[in-house]
Protein backbone atom coordinates (compact mmCIF):
# COMPACT_ATOMS: atom_id res chain seq x y z
CA MET A 1 85.18 10.08 13.53
CA GLN A 2 81.66 11.47 13.78
CA CYS A 3 78.53 10.24 11.98
CA CYS A 4 75.96 12.97 11.41
CA SER A 5 73.32 10.90 9.62
CA MET A 6 70.51 8.92 11.23
CA ASP A 7 69.98 6.77 8.14
CA LYS A 8 70.47 3.05 8.79
CA ALA A 9 72.68 2.55 5.73
CA ASP A 10 74.98 5.41 6.78
CA LEU A 11 75.12 4.08 10.34
CA GLU A 12 76.00 0.63 9.01
CA VAL A 13 78.94 2.11 7.06
CA HIS A 14 79.97 4.07 10.17
CA PHE A 15 79.82 0.86 12.22
CA GLN A 16 82.05 -0.96 9.71
CA LYS A 17 84.67 1.84 9.79
CA MET A 18 84.59 2.12 13.58
CA SER A 19 84.85 -1.64 14.10
CA LYS A 20 88.00 -1.74 11.91
CA ARG A 21 89.52 1.00 14.04
CA PHE A 22 88.56 -0.80 17.25
CA TYR A 23 90.31 -3.97 16.07
CA LEU A 24 93.43 -2.00 15.05
CA ILE A 25 93.59 -0.29 18.44
CA GLY A 26 92.93 -3.56 20.24
CA GLY A 27 90.12 -2.07 22.27
CA ILE A 28 87.41 -4.60 21.54
CA ASN A 29 86.60 -5.07 25.23
CA ASP A 30 87.42 -1.53 26.36
CA PRO A 31 84.23 0.10 27.77
CA ASN A 32 85.63 3.59 27.18
CA LEU A 33 85.99 2.95 23.45
CA LYS A 34 82.46 1.53 23.35
CA GLN A 35 81.24 4.72 24.98
CA ALA A 36 83.19 6.67 22.36
CA PHE A 37 81.35 4.70 19.66
CA ILE A 38 77.98 5.76 21.09
CA SER A 39 79.24 9.32 21.35
CA SER A 40 80.20 9.28 17.67
CA ILE A 41 76.58 8.94 16.51
CA PRO A 42 74.05 11.82 16.56
CA GLU A 43 73.14 12.97 20.07
CA PRO A 44 69.42 12.09 20.22
CA LEU A 45 70.15 8.62 18.88
CA GLY A 46 73.02 8.11 21.32
CA ASP A 47 70.86 9.20 24.25
CA GLU A 48 68.06 6.84 23.25
CA THR A 49 70.56 3.99 22.82
CA SER A 50 71.94 4.63 26.31
CA ARG A 51 68.39 4.58 27.70
CA LEU A 52 67.69 1.25 25.99
CA LEU A 53 70.93 -0.21 27.36
CA SER A 54 70.15 0.92 30.89
CA ALA A 55 66.57 -0.41 30.60
CA ALA A 56 67.99 -3.80 29.62
CA ASN A 57 70.48 -3.64 32.54
CA LYS A 58 73.42 -3.92 30.16
CA GLN A 59 76.86 -2.48 30.91
CA PHE A 60 79.38 -1.43 28.28
CA ALA A 61 81.87 -3.96 29.62
CA ASP A 62 79.39 -6.84 29.11
CA ILE A 63 78.26 -6.24 25.53
CA THR A 64 80.02 -6.39 22.19
CA LEU A 65 80.25 -3.72 19.53
CA GLY A 66 77.76 -5.64 17.36
CA GLU A 67 75.20 -5.65 20.18
CA ILE A 68 75.66 -1.90 20.57
CA CYS A 69 74.95 -1.52 16.85
CA GLN A 70 71.77 -3.61 17.25
CA TYR A 71 70.65 -1.38 20.14
CA ILE A 72 71.30 1.66 17.94
CA PHE A 73 69.00 0.22 15.26
CA ARG A 74 66.35 -0.54 17.91
CA ALA A 75 66.62 3.06 19.10
CA ILE A 76 66.07 4.29 15.52
CA ASP A 77 62.97 2.10 15.20
CA LYS A 78 61.64 3.35 18.54
CA MET A 79 62.21 7.00 17.61
CA CYS A 80 60.52 6.50 14.23
CA SER A 81 57.47 4.88 15.84
CA GLN A 82 57.25 7.72 18.37
CA ASN A 83 57.46 10.25 15.54
CA LYS A 84 54.72 8.44 13.60
CA PHE A 85 52.50 8.39 16.71
CA LEU A 86 52.99 12.11 17.29
CA GLN A 87 52.19 12.92 13.65
CA GLU A 88 48.95 10.92 13.85
CA TYR A 89 48.10 12.68 17.10
CA MET A 90 48.63 16.09 15.52
CA LYS A 91 46.36 15.11 12.60
CA GLN A 92 43.64 14.19 15.10
CA MET A 93 44.10 17.51 16.90
CA LYS A 94 43.54 19.34 13.59
CA GLN A 95 40.26 17.45 13.22
CA PHE A 96 39.26 18.56 16.72
CA ASP A 97 40.02 22.14 15.76
CA ARG A 98 37.57 21.85 12.87
CA ILE A 99 34.94 20.31 15.14
CA CYS A 100 35.32 23.01 17.78
CA ILE A 101 34.51 25.75 15.27
CA ASN A 102 30.85 24.88 15.93
CA LYS A 103 29.21 27.96 17.52
CA GLU A 104 27.68 25.98 20.40
CA LEU A 105 31.12 24.74 21.44
CA LEU A 106 32.91 28.10 21.35
CA THR A 107 34.30 29.27 24.67
CA LYS A 108 35.70 32.60 23.52
CA CYS A 109 33.81 35.68 22.46
CA PRO A 110 33.64 36.28 18.72
CA LYS A 111 35.68 39.04 17.13
CA ASN A 112 32.53 41.01 16.27
CA PRO A 113 30.38 41.02 19.43
CA THR A 114 26.72 40.25 19.00
CA PRO A 115 24.01 42.18 20.89
CA GLY A 116 23.18 39.19 23.10
CA CYS A 117 26.77 38.54 24.23
CA ASN A 118 27.18 38.61 28.02
CA CYS A 119 30.98 38.65 28.07
CA SER A 120 32.70 41.51 29.81
CA SER A 121 35.37 41.51 27.12
CA CYS A 122 32.70 42.01 24.44
CA SER A 123 31.43 45.32 25.78
CA SER A 124 30.96 47.75 22.94
CA LYS A 125 31.21 50.86 25.12
CA PRO A 126 34.67 52.32 25.46
CA SER A 127 35.76 52.53 29.05
CA SER A 128 35.85 56.01 30.49
CA ARG A 129 39.05 56.89 32.24
CA ILE A 130 39.12 58.80 35.45
CA ARG A 131 40.88 62.10 34.93
CA LYS A 132 40.99 63.11 38.54
CA PHE A 133 44.66 63.88 38.88
CA ARG A 134 45.39 65.05 35.35
CA LYS A 135 46.54 68.57 34.85
CA LYS A 136 44.04 70.66 32.94
CA LYS A 137 45.04 72.23 29.68
CA ASP A 138 44.58 75.94 29.02
CA ASP A 139 41.56 75.44 26.81
CA GLU A 140 39.82 73.33 29.47
CA LEU A 141 39.40 76.20 31.95
CA ASN A 142 35.89 76.43 33.37
CA ASP A 143 33.73 79.41 34.34
CA HIS A 144 34.55 79.08 37.99
CA THR A 145 38.27 79.45 37.40
CA LEU A 146 39.63 82.46 39.17
CA CYS A 147 40.72 85.24 36.85
CA VAL A 148 42.96 87.98 38.10
CA LEU A 149 42.86 91.29 36.33
CA GLN A 150 45.68 93.67 36.63
CA LEU A 151 44.76 97.25 37.15
CA SER A 152 47.06 99.75 35.75
C-alpha cells in the first residue's frame, strides 16, 4: 500500500490503515515492517524521516509505529520550513537583480557598444580573417597570374 500524498491529513489516514495491517500481521515490533512503512510514503519524505531518525540515534527496533509517524510529521515541517526559506531567498535575489541593473555596477558590456567602451568583446570592427591557404576562385585571378596561350 503506497501513499503518494504529502498532505498531513492523507498521511494520517495512511498511518491508520497501515497500523491496522501491522496489528493483523502481528509485526508491531518487526523492524522490517517498520522500514516498509517508511518506504510506503513518498521518497523525499521517507529519506528525510530516515535522516531525522539517524540524527536522533534511533533504530527501527527501538521505536514504535506512532513514533515513526511523529518523525514523519517533523520531517514534513522541516521540509516546509526549508522550502519557505528558499522562496524568501529567491525573492531577495530578484531584488538584487533589480539593484544590479545600475550602470555603475554592470560587469558585462552592453548590447549596443558605446564609443568609450574598452572591452575587447565590444569592438565594432569585424575581424578580418586570414585567407592565406584558401584556394582562389576564378574571378580572383590577379595580373601576375601566368597565362598560357596556345598557338595554333
